[in-house]
Structure formats: structure tokens, C-alpha cells
PDB file of N, CA and C in Angstrom:
ATOM      1  N   MET A   1     109.512  95.096 120.784  1.00  0.00           N
ATOM      2  CA  MET A   1     111.092  94.770 121.728  1.00  0.00           C
ATOM      3  C   MET A   1     110.685  95.438 123.079  1.00  0.00           C
ATOM      4  N   SER A   2     110.747  94.477 123.716  1.00  0.00           N
ATOM      5  CA  SER A   2     110.763  94.811 125.371  1.00  0.00           C
ATOM      6  C   SER A   2     112.334  95.306 125.962  1.00  0.00           C
ATOM      7  N   ARG A   3     112.268  96.354 126.513  1.00  0.00           N
ATOM      8  CA  ARG A   3     113.416  96.868 127.242  1.00  0.00           C
ATOM      9  C   ARG A   3     113.583  96.371 128.463  1.00  0.00           C
ATOM     10  N   LEU A   4     115.152  95.963 128.353  1.00  0.00           N
ATOM     11  CA  LEU A   4     115.757  95.640 129.684  1.00  0.00           C
ATOM     12  C   LEU A   4     115.843  96.022 130.774  1.00  0.00           C
ATOM     13  N   SER A   5     114.887  95.557 131.409  1.00  0.00           N
ATOM     14  CA  SER A   5     115.299  96.003 133.007  1.00  0.00           C
ATOM     15  C   SER A   5     115.412  95.212 134.350  1.00  0.00           C
ATOM     16  N   ILE A   6     115.649  95.816 134.797  1.00  0.00           N
ATOM     17  CA  ILE A   6     116.336  95.019 136.193  1.00  0.00           C
ATOM     18  C   ILE A   6     115.381  95.284 137.301  1.00  0.00           C
ATOM     19  N   HIS A   7     114.946  94.519 138.077  1.00  0.00           N
ATOM     20  CA  HIS A   7     114.559  95.117 139.453  1.00  0.00           C
ATOM     21  C   HIS A   7     115.350  94.949 140.489  1.00  0.00           C
ATOM     22  N   VAL A   8     115.958  95.941 141.117  1.00  0.00           N
ATOM     23  CA  VAL A   8     116.913  95.805 142.453  1.00  0.00           C
ATOM     24  C   VAL A   8     116.521  95.832 143.837  1.00  0.00           C
ATOM     25  N   ASN A   9     116.942  95.372 144.673  1.00  0.00           N
ATOM     26  CA  ASN A   9     116.976  95.776 146.168  1.00  0.00           C
ATOM     27  C   ASN A   9     117.814  96.652 146.400  1.00  0.00           C
ATOM     28  N   TYR A  10     117.356  97.459 146.686  1.00  0.00           N
ATOM     29  CA  TYR A  10     118.833  98.778 146.733  1.00  0.00           C
ATOM     30  C   TYR A  10     119.513  98.332 147.858  1.00  0.00           C
ATOM     31  N   THR A  11     119.041  98.218 149.112  1.00  0.00           N
ATOM     32  CA  THR A  11     119.670  97.695 150.154  1.00  0.00           C
ATOM     33  C   THR A  11     120.488  96.771 150.181  1.00  0.00           C
ATOM     34  N   ASN A  12     120.375  95.584 149.085  1.00  0.00           N
ATOM     35  CA  ASN A  12     121.088  94.578 149.217  1.00  0.00           C
ATOM     36  C   ASN A  12     122.434  94.924 148.114  1.00  0.00           C
ATOM     37  N   THR A  13     121.699  95.715 147.456  1.00  0.00           N
ATOM     38  CA  THR A  13     122.755  95.781 145.624  1.00  0.00           C
ATOM     39  C   THR A  13     123.436  97.167 146.728  1.00  0.00           C
ATOM     40  N   ARG A  14     123.918  98.187 147.785  1.00  0.00           N
ATOM     41  CA  ARG A  14     124.521  98.688 147.980  1.00  0.00           C
ATOM     42  C   ARG A  14     125.290  97.490 149.152  1.00  0.00           C
ATOM     43  N   ARG A  15     124.772  96.757 149.844  1.00  0.00           N
ATOM     44  CA  ARG A  15     125.925  95.765 150.116  1.00  0.00           C
ATOM     45  C   ARG A  15     126.545  95.313 149.937  1.00  0.00           C
ATOM     46  N   LEU A  16     126.043  94.719 148.884  1.00  0.00           N
ATOM     47  CA  LEU A  16     127.101  93.897 147.755  1.00  0.00           C
ATOM     48  C   LEU A  16     128.366  94.832 147.356  1.00  0.00           C
ATOM     49  N   ILE A  17     127.851  96.030 146.826  1.00  0.00           N
ATOM     50  CA  ILE A  17     129.115  97.250 146.396  1.00  0.00           C
ATOM     51  C   ILE A  17     129.804  97.593 147.477  1.00  0.00           C
ATOM     52  N   LEU A  18     129.488  97.866 148.663  1.00  0.00           N
ATOM     53  CA  LEU A  18     130.654  98.053 149.892  1.00  0.00           C
ATOM     54  C   LEU A  18     131.207  96.679 150.381  1.00  0.00           C
ATOM     55  N   TRP A  19     130.678  95.698 149.719  1.00  0.00           N
ATOM     56  CA  TRP A  19     131.644  94.134 150.296  1.00  0.00           C
ATOM     57  C   TRP A  19     132.644  94.274 149.121  1.00  0.00           C
ATOM     58  N   GLY A  20     132.506  94.605 147.975  1.00  0.00           N
ATOM     59  CA  GLY A  20     133.263  94.797 146.488  1.00  0.00           C
ATOM     60  C   GLY A  20     134.646  95.829 146.990  1.00  0.00           C
ATOM     61  N   VAL A  21     133.754  97.200 147.613  1.00  0.00           N
ATOM     62  CA  VAL A  21     134.730  97.821 147.915  1.00  0.00           C
ATOM     63  C   VAL A  21     135.880  97.415 149.071  1.00  0.00           C
ATOM     64  N   SER A  22     135.177  96.573 149.908  1.00  0.00           N
ATOM     65  CA  SER A  22     135.761  96.027 151.075  1.00  0.00           C
ATOM     66  C   SER A  22     136.882  95.055 150.417  1.00  0.00           C
ATOM     67  N   ILE A  23     136.660  94.089 149.440  1.00  0.00           N
ATOM     68  CA  ILE A  23     137.921  93.092 149.158  1.00  0.00           C
ATOM     69  C   ILE A  23     138.685  93.791 148.519  1.00  0.00           C
ATOM     70  N   VAL A  24     138.592  95.063 147.871  1.00  0.00           N
ATOM     71  CA  VAL A  24     139.475  95.300 147.205  1.00  0.00           C
ATOM     72  C   VAL A  24     140.563  96.119 148.026  1.00  0.00           C
ATOM     73  N   ILE A  25     139.559  97.037 148.905  1.00  0.00           N
ATOM     74  CA  ILE A  25     140.705  97.721 150.001  1.00  0.00           C
ATOM     75  C   ILE A  25     141.813  96.579 150.699  1.00  0.00           C
ATOM     76  N   ILE A  26     140.815  95.656 151.411  1.00  0.00           N
ATOM     77  CA  ILE A  26     141.601  94.310 151.640  1.00  0.00           C
ATOM     78  C   ILE A  26     143.201  93.786 150.911  1.00  0.00           C
ATOM     79  N   GLY A  27     142.173  93.985 149.651  1.00  0.00           N
ATOM     80  CA  GLY A  27     143.588  93.483 148.521  1.00  0.00           C
ATOM     81  C   GLY A  27     144.634  94.501 148.580  1.00  0.00           C
ATOM     82  N   LEU A  28     144.480  96.026 148.837  1.00  0.00           N
ATOM     83  CA  LEU A  28     145.575  97.288 148.862  1.00  0.00           C
ATOM     84  C   LEU A  28     146.234  96.885 149.850  1.00  0.00           C
ATOM     85  N   VAL A  29     145.554  96.176 151.234  1.00  0.00           N
ATOM     86  CA  VAL A  29     146.894  96.116 152.482  1.00  0.00           C
ATOM     87  C   VAL A  29     147.263  94.947 152.535  1.00  0.00           C
ATOM     88  N   PHE A  30     146.737  93.793 151.879  1.00  0.00           N
ATOM     89  CA  PHE A  30     147.459  92.761 151.365  1.00  0.00           C
ATOM     90  C   PHE A  30     149.271  92.899 150.452  1.00  0.00           C
ATOM     91  N   LYS A  31     148.718  93.846 149.408  1.00  0.00           N
ATOM     92  CA  LYS A  31     149.874  94.010 148.246  1.00  0.00           C
ATOM     93  C   LYS A  31     150.620  95.193 149.350  1.00  0.00           C
ATOM     94  N   LEU A  32     150.257  95.791 149.624  1.00  0.00           N
ATOM     95  CA  LEU A  32     151.263  97.090 150.620  1.00  0.00           C
ATOM     96  C   LEU A  32     151.743  96.219 151.290  1.00  0.00           C
ATOM     97  N   LEU A  33     151.605  95.615 152.093  1.00  0.00           N
ATOM     98  CA  LEU A  33     152.283  94.432 152.936  1.00  0.00           C
ATOM     99  C   LEU A  33     152.985  93.392 152.510  1.00  0.00           C
ATOM    100  N   SER A  34     153.183  93.226 151.365  1.00  0.00           N
ATOM    101  CA  SER A  34     153.922  92.331 150.471  1.00  0.00           C
ATOM    102  C   SER A  34     153.275  90.946 150.874  1.00  0.00           C
ATOM    103  N   TRP A  35     152.301  90.889 151.130  1.00  0.00           N
ATOM    104  CA  TRP A  35     151.484  89.409 151.565  1.00  0.00           C
ATOM    105  C   TRP A  35     151.231  88.971 150.263  1.00  0.00           C
ATOM    106  N   LYS A  36     151.313  87.429 150.135  1.00  0.00           N
ATOM    107  CA  LYS A  36     150.632  86.507 149.362  1.00  0.00           C
ATOM    108  C   LYS A  36     148.938  87.009 148.870  1.00  0.00           C
ATOM    109  N   ALA A  37     148.999  86.685 147.690  1.00  0.00           N
ATOM    110  CA  ALA A  37     147.439  86.614 147.331  1.00  0.00           C
ATOM    111  C   ALA A  37     146.602  88.065 146.749  1.00  0.00           C
ATOM    112  N   GLY A  38     147.408  89.288 147.375  1.00  0.00           N
ATOM    113  CA  GLY A  38     147.021  90.920 147.487  1.00  0.00           C
ATOM    114  C   GLY A  38     146.672  90.952 145.868  1.00  0.00           C
ATOM    115  N   GLU A  39     147.320  90.589 145.267  1.00  0.00           N
ATOM    116  CA  GLU A  39     146.857  90.753 143.719  1.00  0.00           C
ATOM    117  C   GLU A  39     145.466  90.248 143.081  1.00  0.00           C
ATOM    118  N   ILE A  40     145.412  88.915 143.913  1.00  0.00           N
ATOM    119  CA  ILE A  40     144.307  88.319 143.390  1.00  0.00           C
ATOM    120  C   ILE A  40     142.974  88.978 144.121  1.00  0.00           C
ATOM    121  N   ILE A  41     142.941  89.228 145.637  1.00  0.00           N
ATOM    122  CA  ILE A  41     142.575  90.155 146.307  1.00  0.00           C
ATOM    123  C   ILE A  41     141.610  90.965 145.149  1.00  0.00           C
ATOM    124  N   ILE A  42     142.597  91.756 144.914  1.00  0.00           N
ATOM    125  CA  ILE A  42     142.213  92.967 144.407  1.00  0.00           C
ATOM    126  C   ILE A  42     141.133  92.869 142.761  1.00  0.00           C
ATOM    127  N   ILE A  43     141.817  92.177 142.420  1.00  0.00           N
ATOM    128  CA  ILE A  43     141.536  91.798 140.919  1.00  0.00           C
ATOM    129  C   ILE A  43     139.927  91.116 141.735  1.00  0.00           C
ATOM    130  N   SER A  44     139.678  90.130 142.385  1.00  0.00           N
ATOM    131  CA  SER A  44     138.488  90.011 142.414  1.00  0.00           C
ATOM    132  C   SER A  44     137.535  90.775 142.901  1.00  0.00           C
ATOM    133  N   GLY A  45     137.866  91.747 143.906  1.00  0.00           N
ATOM    134  CA  GLY A  45     137.245  93.090 144.326  1.00  0.00           C
ATOM    135  C   GLY A  45     136.776  93.904 143.150  1.00  0.00           C
ATOM    136  N   LEU A  46     137.705  94.173 142.350  1.00  0.00           N
ATOM    137  CA  LEU A  46     137.398  94.438 140.959  1.00  0.00           C
ATOM    138  C   LEU A  46     136.586  94.025 140.144  1.00  0.00           C
ATOM    139  N   ILE A  47     136.486  92.892 140.141  1.00  0.00           N
ATOM    140  CA  ILE A  47     135.824  92.105 138.754  1.00  0.00           C
ATOM    141  C   ILE A  47     134.377  92.128 139.570  1.00  0.00           C
ATOM    142  N   LEU A  48     133.935  92.053 140.855  1.00  0.00           N
ATOM    143  CA  LEU A  48     132.821  92.189 141.598  1.00  0.00           C
ATOM    144  C   LEU A  48     132.201  93.212 141.738  1.00  0.00           C
ATOM    145  N   GLU A  49     133.208  94.533 141.365  1.00  0.00           N
ATOM    146  CA  GLU A  49     132.592  95.801 141.350  1.00  0.00           C
ATOM    147  C   GLU A  49     132.024  96.011 139.944  1.00  0.00           C
ATOM    148  N   ALA A  50     133.106  95.695 138.581  1.00  0.00           N
ATOM    149  CA  ALA A  50     132.926  96.116 137.554  1.00  0.00           C
ATOM    150  C   ALA A  50     131.225  95.387 137.477  1.00  0.00           C
ATOM    151  N   PHE A  51     131.069  94.499 137.577  1.00  0.00           N
ATOM    152  CA  PHE A  51     130.067  93.215 137.660  1.00  0.00           C
ATOM    153  C   PHE A  51     128.857  93.998 138.314  1.00  0.00           C
ATOM    154  N   LEU A  52     128.823  94.996 138.898  1.00  0.00           N
ATOM    155  CA  LEU A  52     127.799  95.165 139.685  1.00  0.00           C
ATOM    156  C   LEU A  52     127.460  96.303 138.930  1.00  0.00           C
ATOM    157  N   PHE A  53     128.463  97.095 138.839  1.00  0.00           N
ATOM    158  CA  PHE A  53     128.119  98.622 138.157  1.00  0.00           C
ATOM    159  C   PHE A  53     127.425  98.230 136.745  1.00  0.00           C
ATOM    160  N   PHE A  54     128.434  97.314 136.148  1.00  0.00           N
ATOM    161  CA  PHE A  54     127.474  96.539 134.582  1.00  0.00           C
ATOM    162  C   PHE A  54     126.001  96.964 134.650  1.00  0.00           C
ATOM    163  N   LEU A  55     125.659  95.862 136.088  1.00  0.00           N
ATOM    164  CA  LEU A  55     124.463  95.554 136.408  1.00  0.00           C
ATOM    165  C   LEU A  55     123.563  96.779 136.288  1.00  0.00           C
ATOM    166  N   LEU A  56     124.005  97.802 137.367  1.00  0.00           N
ATOM    167  CA  LEU A  56     123.234  99.265 137.410  1.00  0.00           C
ATOM    168  C   LEU A  56     123.224  99.750 136.588  1.00  0.00           C
ATOM    169  N   GLY A  57     124.017  99.824 135.488  1.00  0.00           N
ATOM    170  CA  GLY A  57     123.597 100.221 134.427  1.00  0.00           C
ATOM    171  C   GLY A  57     122.086  99.940 133.506  1.00  0.00           C
ATOM    172  N   PHE A  58     121.813  98.737 133.928  1.00  0.00           N
ATOM    173  CA  PHE A  58     120.442  98.759 133.385  1.00  0.00           C
ATOM    174  C   PHE A  58     119.163  99.008 134.152  1.00  0.00           C
ATOM    175  N   VAL A  59     119.454  99.687 135.452  1.00  0.00           N
ATOM    176  CA  VAL A  59     118.569  99.753 136.495  1.00  0.00           C
ATOM    177  C   VAL A  59     117.744 101.255 136.112  1.00  0.00           C
ATOM    178  N   LYS A  60     116.656 101.619 136.439  1.00  0.00           N
ATOM    179  CA  LYS A  60     115.872 102.836 135.959  1.00  0.00           C
ATOM    180  C   LYS A  60     116.233 103.459 137.250  1.00  0.00           C
ATOM    181  N   ASP A  61     116.557 104.617 137.320  1.00  0.00           N
ATOM    182  CA  ASP A  61     116.430 105.384 138.171  1.00  0.00           C
ATOM    183  C   ASP A  61     115.552 105.942 138.824  1.00  0.00           C
ATOM    184  N   VAL A  62     115.272 105.510 140.249  1.00  0.00           N
ATOM    185  CA  VAL A  62     113.562 105.574 140.625  1.00  0.00           C
ATOM    186  C   VAL A  62     113.834 106.722 141.889  1.00  0.00           C
ATOM    187  N   PRO A  63     113.645 107.447 142.177  1.00  0.00           N
ATOM    188  CA  PRO A  63     113.398 107.970 143.640  1.00  0.00           C
ATOM    189  C   PRO A  63     112.399 107.119 144.065  1.00  0.00           C
ATOM    190  N   HIS A  64     112.736 107.326 145.770  1.00  0.00           N
ATOM    191  CA  HIS A  64     112.511 106.371 146.879  1.00  0.00           C
ATOM    192  C   HIS A  64     110.771 106.337 146.712  1.00  0.00           C
ATOM    193  N   HIS A  65     110.280 107.956 146.572  1.00  0.00           N
ATOM    194  CA  HIS A  65     109.017 107.918 147.114  1.00  0.00           C
ATOM    195  C   HIS A  65     107.640 107.613 145.504  1.00  0.00           C
ATOM    196  N   GLU A  66     108.892 107.560 144.411  1.00  0.00           N
ATOM    197  CA  GLU A  66     108.151 106.687 143.285  1.00  0.00           C
ATOM    198  C   GLU A  66     107.950 105.583 143.525  1.00  0.00           C
ATOM    199  N   GLN A  67     108.823 104.735 144.244  1.00  0.00           N
ATOM    200  CA  GLN A  67     108.609 103.206 144.377  1.00  0.00           C
ATOM    201  C   GLN A  67     107.824 102.922 145.423  1.00  0.00           C
ATOM    202  N   SER A  68     107.275 103.736 145.965  1.00  0.00           N
ATOM    203  CA  SER A  68     105.715 103.352 146.427  1.00  0.00           C
ATOM    204  C   SER A  68     104.640 103.667 146.385  1.00  0.00           C
ATOM    205  N   GLY A  69     104.928 104.805 144.887  1.00  0.00           N
ATOM    206  CA  GLY A  69     103.393 105.388 144.570  1.00  0.00           C
ATOM    207  C   GLY A  69     103.224 106.439 145.086  1.00  0.00           C
ATOM    208  N   THR A  70     103.646 106.866 145.942  1.00  0.00           N
ATOM    209  CA  THR A  70     103.409 108.082 146.749  1.00  0.00           C
ATOM    210  C   THR A  70     104.062 108.972 147.328  1.00  0.00           C
ATOM    211  N   MET A  71     103.931 109.691 148.030  1.00  0.00           N
ATOM    212  CA  MET A  71     105.216 110.609 148.869  1.00  0.00           C
ATOM    213  C   MET A  71     104.589 110.726 149.735  1.00  0.00           C
ATOM    214  N   ASP A  72     105.015 110.338 151.239  1.00  0.00           N
ATOM    215  CA  ASP A  72     104.157 110.743 152.220  1.00  0.00           C
ATOM    216  C   ASP A  72     105.073 112.066 152.647  1.00  0.00           C
ATOM    217  N   SER A  73     104.097 112.348 153.734  1.00  0.00           N
ATOM    218  CA  SER A  73     103.953 114.156 154.387  1.00  0.00           C
ATOM    219  C   SER A  73     105.113 114.067 154.598  1.00  0.00           C
ATOM    220  N   VAL A  74     106.038 113.423 155.366  1.00  0.00           N
ATOM    221  CA  VAL A  74     107.586 113.430 156.151  1.00  0.00           C
ATOM    222  C   VAL A  74     108.690 113.366 154.816  1.00  0.00           C
ATOM    223  N   THR A  75     107.982 112.370 153.706  1.00  0.00           N
ATOM    224  CA  THR A  75     109.424 113.305 152.491  1.00  0.00           C
ATOM    225  C   THR A  75     108.912 114.547 152.298  1.00  0.00           C
ATOM    226  N   PHE A  76     107.865 114.937 151.887  1.00  0.00           N
ATOM    227  CA  PHE A  76     107.268 116.320 151.060  1.00  0.00           C
ATOM    228  C   PHE A  76     107.845 117.229 152.170  1.00  0.00           C
ATOM    229  N   HIS A  77     107.374 116.989 153.451  1.00  0.00           N
ATOM    230  CA  HIS A  77     108.267 118.376 154.414  1.00  0.00           C
ATOM    231  C   HIS A  77     109.665 118.321 154.098  1.00  0.00           C
ATOM    232  N   HIS A  78     110.047 117.396 154.036  1.00  0.00           N
ATOM    233  CA  HIS A  78     111.543 117.011 153.781  1.00  0.00           C
ATOM    234  C   HIS A  78     112.277 118.075 152.521  1.00  0.00           C
ATOM    235  N   TYR A  79     111.008 117.535 151.412  1.00  0.00           N
ATOM    236  CA  TYR A  79     111.662 117.942 150.098  1.00  0.00           C
ATOM    237  C   TYR A  79     111.445 120.000 150.535  1.00  0.00           C
ATOM    238  N   LEU A  80     110.332 120.281 150.802  1.00  0.00           N
ATOM    239  CA  LEU A  80     110.259 120.915 151.098  1.00  0.00           C
ATOM    240  C   LEU A  80     111.203 122.141 151.571  1.00  0.00           C
ATOM    241  N   GLN A  81     111.686 121.535 152.425  1.00  0.00           N
ATOM    242  CA  GLN A  81     112.728 121.920 153.638  1.00  0.00           C
ATOM    243  C   GLN A  81     114.160 122.183 153.020  1.00  0.00           C
ATOM    244  N   MET A  82     114.220 121.498 151.725  1.00  0.00           N
ATOM    245  CA  MET A  82     115.439 121.238 150.801  1.00  0.00           C
ATOM    246  C   MET A  82     115.065 121.938 150.273  1.00  0.00           C
ATOM    247  N   GLU A  83     114.366 122.494 149.500  1.00  0.00           N
ATOM    248  CA  GLU A  83     113.968 123.624 148.624  1.00  0.00           C
ATOM    249  C   GLU A  83     114.204 124.872 149.168  1.00  0.00           C
ATOM    250  N   GLN A  84     113.626 125.160 150.325  1.00  0.00           N
ATOM    251  CA  GLN A  84     114.241 126.478 151.344  1.00  0.00           C
ATOM    252  C   GLN A  84     115.165 126.645 151.283  1.00  0.00           C
ATOM    253  N   GLU A  85     116.169 125.489 152.320  1.00  0.00           N
ATOM    254  CA  GLU A  85     117.707 125.684 151.904  1.00  0.00           C
ATOM    255  C   GLU A  85     118.375 126.018 150.698  1.00  0.00           C
ATOM    256  N   ALA A  86     118.100 125.705 149.519  1.00  0.00           N
ATOM    257  CA  ALA A  86     118.619 125.975 148.694  1.00  0.00           C
ATOM    258  C   ALA A  86     118.209 127.228 147.955  1.00  0.00           C
ATOM    259  N   THR A  87     117.261 127.458 148.559  1.00  0.00           N
ATOM    260  CA  THR A  87     116.867 129.021 147.957  1.00  0.00           C
ATOM    261  C   THR A  87     117.443 130.354 148.818  1.00  0.00           C
ATOM    262  N   ASN A  88     118.040 129.981 150.138  1.00  0.00           N
ATOM    263  CA  ASN A  88     118.333 130.746 151.319  1.00  0.00           C
ATOM    264  C   ASN A  88     120.196 130.380 150.938  1.00  0.00           C
ATOM    265  N   CYS A  89     120.433 129.343 150.235  1.00  0.00           N
ATOM    266  CA  CYS A  89     122.162 129.213 149.829  1.00  0.00           C
ATOM    267  C   CYS A  89     122.298 130.016 148.574  1.00  0.00           C
ATOM    268  N   LYS A  90     121.257 129.989 147.742  1.00  0.00           N
ATOM    269  CA  LYS A  90     121.012 130.705 146.372  1.00  0.00           C
ATOM    270  C   LYS A  90     121.195 132.399 147.110  1.00  0.00           C
ATOM    271  N   HIS A  91     120.818 133.053 147.590  1.00  0.00           N
ATOM    272  CA  HIS A  91     120.900 134.146 148.265  1.00  0.00           C
ATOM    273  C   HIS A  91     122.038 134.380 149.178  1.00  0.00           C
ATOM    274  N   GLN A  92     122.463 133.458 149.907  1.00  0.00           N
ATOM    275  CA  GLN A  92     123.672 133.884 150.281  1.00  0.00           C
ATOM    276  C   GLN A  92     125.237 133.826 149.625  1.00  0.00           C
ATOM    277  N   LEU A  93     125.057 132.891 148.684  1.00  0.00           N
ATOM    278  CA  LEU A  93     125.769 132.856 147.358  1.00  0.00           C
ATOM    279  C   LEU A  93     125.877 134.518 146.719  1.00  0.00           C
ATOM    280  N   ALA A  94     124.842 134.891 146.962  1.00  0.00           N
ATOM    281  CA  ALA A  94     125.133 136.279 146.102  1.00  0.00           C
ATOM    282  C   ALA A  94     125.182 137.151 147.042  1.00  0.00           C
ATOM    283  N   THR A  95     125.207 137.314 148.172  1.00  0.00           N
ATOM    284  CA  THR A  95     125.553 138.708 149.082  1.00  0.00           C
ATOM    285  C   THR A  95     127.170 138.409 149.569  1.00  0.00           C
ATOM    286  N   LEU A  96     127.473 136.756 149.398  1.00  0.00           N
ATOM    287  CA  LEU A  96     129.072 136.823 149.581  1.00  0.00           C
ATOM    288  C   LEU A  96     129.155 137.540 148.589  1.00  0.00           C
ATOM    289  N   SER A  97     128.629 137.232 146.961  1.00  0.00           N
ATOM    290  CA  SER A  97     129.878 137.680 145.876  1.00  0.00           C
ATOM    291  C   SER A  97     129.638 139.027 146.288  1.00  0.00           C
ATOM    292  N   GLU A  98     128.909 139.882 146.462  1.00  0.00           N
ATOM    293  CA  GLU A  98     128.504 141.213 146.527  1.00  0.00           C
ATOM    294  C   GLU A  98     129.791 141.792 147.432  1.00  0.00           C
ATOM    295  N   ASN A  99     129.767 141.054 148.472  1.00  0.00           N
ATOM    296  CA  ASN A  99     130.753 141.235 149.980  1.00  0.00           C
ATOM    297  C   ASN A  99     132.260 141.111 148.979  1.00  0.00           C
ATOM    298  N   LEU A 100     132.374 140.004 148.614  1.00  0.00           N
ATOM    299  CA  LEU A 100     134.051 139.918 147.861  1.00  0.00           C
ATOM    300  C   LEU A 100     134.150 141.099 147.176  1.00  0.00           C
ATOM    301  N   TRP A 101     133.097 141.442 146.440  1.00  0.00           N
ATOM    302  CA  TRP A 101     133.676 142.624 144.999  1.00  0.00           C
ATOM    303  C   TRP A 101     133.711 143.863 146.020  1.00  0.00           C
ATOM    304  N   LYS A 102     133.086 143.651 147.333  1.00  0.00           N
ATOM    305  CA  LYS A 102     133.036 144.983 147.843  1.00  0.00           C
ATOM    306  C   LYS A 102     134.669 144.918 148.674  1.00  0.00           C
ATOM    307  N   ILE A 103     135.213 144.144 149.512  1.00  0.00           N
ATOM    308  CA  ILE A 103     136.308 143.667 149.710  1.00  0.00           C
ATOM    309  C   ILE A 103     137.498 143.988 148.537  1.00  0.00           C
ATOM    310  N   ASN A 104     137.100 143.705 147.568  1.00  0.00           N
ATOM    311  CA  ASN A 104     138.401 143.681 146.429  1.00  0.00           C
ATOM    312  C   ASN A 104     138.327 145.291 145.642  1.00  0.00           C
ATOM    313  N   GLN A 105     137.169 145.681 146.153  1.00  0.00           N
ATOM    314  CA  GLN A 105     137.278 147.378 145.811  1.00  0.00           C
ATOM    315  C   GLN A 105     138.322 147.801 146.853  1.00  0.00           C
ATOM    316  N   VAL A 106     137.936 147.865 147.980  1.00  0.00           N
ATOM    317  CA  VAL A 106     138.485 148.870 149.133  1.00  0.00           C
ATOM    318  C   VAL A 106     140.047 148.048 149.011  1.00  0.00           C
ATOM    319  N   LEU A 107     140.254 146.885 148.753  1.00  0.00           N
ATOM    320  CA  LEU A 107     141.804 146.371 148.661  1.00  0.00           C
ATOM    321  C   LEU A 107     142.425 147.269 147.259  1.00  0.00           C
ATOM    322  N   ASN A 108     141.809 147.518 146.588  1.00  0.00           N
ATOM    323  CA  ASN A 108     142.112 147.987 145.018  1.00  0.00           C
ATOM    324  C   ASN A 108     142.473 149.722 145.695  1.00  0.00           C
ATOM    325  N   GLY A 109     141.812 149.946 146.407  1.00  0.00           N
ATOM    326  CA  GLY A 109     141.708 151.347 146.714  1.00  0.00           C
ATOM    327  C   GLY A 109     142.712 151.826 147.766  1.00  0.00           C
ATOM    328  N   ILE A 110     143.057 150.739 148.623  1.00  0.00           N
ATOM    329  CA  ILE A 110     144.028 150.937 149.652  1.00  0.00           C
ATOM    330  C   ILE A 110     145.513 150.782 148.660  1.00  0.00           C
ATOM    331  N   ASN A 111     145.331 149.902 147.682  1.00  0.00           N
ATOM    332  CA  ASN A 111     146.862 149.728 147.018  1.00  0.00           C
ATOM    333  C   ASN A 111     147.330 150.972 146.103  1.00  0.00           C
ATOM    334  N   LYS A 112     145.795 151.420 145.566  1.00  0.00           N
ATOM    335  CA  LYS A 112     146.417 152.842 145.060  1.00  0.00           C
ATOM    336  C   LYS A 112     147.150 153.699 145.921  1.00  0.00           C
ATOM    337  N   ALA A 113     146.482 153.521 147.001  1.00  0.00           N
ATOM    338  CA  ALA A 113     146.896 154.884 147.889  1.00  0.00           C
ATOM    339  C   ALA A 113     148.367 154.188 148.775  1.00  0.00           C
ATOM    340  N   VAL A 114     148.605 153.409 148.538  1.00  0.00           N
ATOM    341  CA  VAL A 114     150.123 152.933 149.156  1.00  0.00           C
ATOM    342  C   VAL A 114     150.977 153.141 147.803  1.00  0.00           C
ATOM    343  N   GLU A 115     150.469 153.264 146.633  1.00  0.00           N
ATOM    344  CA  GLU A 115     151.601 153.385 145.359  1.00  0.00           C
ATOM    345  C   GLU A 115     151.948 154.816 145.742  1.00  0.00           C
ATOM    346  N   LYS A 116     151.284 155.472 146.310  1.00  0.00           N
ATOM    347  CA  LYS A 116     151.480 157.037 146.121  1.00  0.00           C
ATOM    348  C   LYS A 116     152.052 157.525 147.100  1.00  0.00           C
ATOM    349  N   ILE A 117     152.251 156.684 148.057  1.00  0.00           N
ATOM    350  CA  ILE A 117     153.214 157.319 149.212  1.00  0.00           C
ATOM    351  C   ILE A 117     154.372 157.186 148.838  1.00  0.00           C
ATOM    352  N   PRO A 118     154.916 158.675 148.930  1.00  0.00           N
ATOM    353  CA  PRO A 118     156.627 158.754 148.458  1.00  0.00           C
ATOM    354  C   PRO A 118     158.034 157.809 149.075  1.00  0.00           C
ATOM    355  N   LYS A 119     158.370 157.014 148.251  1.00  0.00           N
ATOM    356  CA  LYS A 119     159.464 156.308 149.048  1.00  0.00           C
ATOM    357  C   LYS A 119     160.397 156.903 149.554  1.00  0.00           C
ATOM    358  N   ASN A 120     161.169 156.298 150.490  1.00  0.00           N
ATOM    359  CA  ASN A 120     162.407 157.082 150.962  1.00  0.00           C
ATOM    360  C   ASN A 120     163.326 156.491 150.384  1.00  0.00           C
ATOM    361  N   LYS A 121     164.605 157.415 149.935  1.00  0.00           N
ATOM    362  CA  LYS A 121     165.677 157.175 148.908  1.00  0.00           C
ATOM    363  C   LYS A 121     167.139 157.134 150.128  1.00  0.00           C
ATOM    364  N   SER A 122     166.810 156.424 151.269  1.00  0.00           N
ATOM    365  CA  SER A 122     167.914 156.308 152.020  1.00  0.00           C
ATOM    366  C   SER A 122     168.829 155.321 151.789  1.00  0.00           C
TER     367      SER A 122
END
């Protein structure tokens, strides 16, 4: 059995999806303003969107560099840059976590010190 697959031009697919979203938004404006045909426009847009998303369910998700068969140097450089930024982000999150823990400890110490201060019974 052959596997069902659809070859898609991603630019045209995005355009169709955006048209469907635009139709739904226009229909919502019509409905909110109580203009005629608002419901029909909304339904038309939603049917278009459902059809497109149904078709996209059969599309194999292939990264752009695999479509052309090679990863050009600009794409590879961008990939390396993103990888470095992810590593930096990981380290920054670890530092943030440590600093938040230290702030929590300081605030707990201040809270305990405030609780020890005798209260005036005036």
C-alpha cells in the first residue's frame, strides 16, 4: 500500500489559511454589528479553515533545508546561532533560579527578624 501524501506549496497554503482567517474575522465583524450574512460568512470561513487543516494533516512536516536537499551556509550559521542562544538561555535561567532562591532566603530572614520585634501594646 502506498502512503497518502500531498505535495504542498507552503507559501500558497499560508495564503489560503490567512484568507480563511480573514473571512472568519469579517464574518465576526458582520455578526457583532448585526449586519446580514454575518453567520454565513463565519461558517464559510470556518469550513475553508477546516478543509485546509484536514488537508494539512496529510502533509509530512519537512524542514525547509531538507526540501532543497542541502543546508546552505546561512541556514547552518543561523542554526548554530540559535543553538548558542538556547545554551545561553539555559544558563541564564539557572542563574535566575539561584538568585530567586537567594532572594527567598533573604525575605524569610527578614520575616523572622520582624516577627521577633516586640509589639507595642498601647
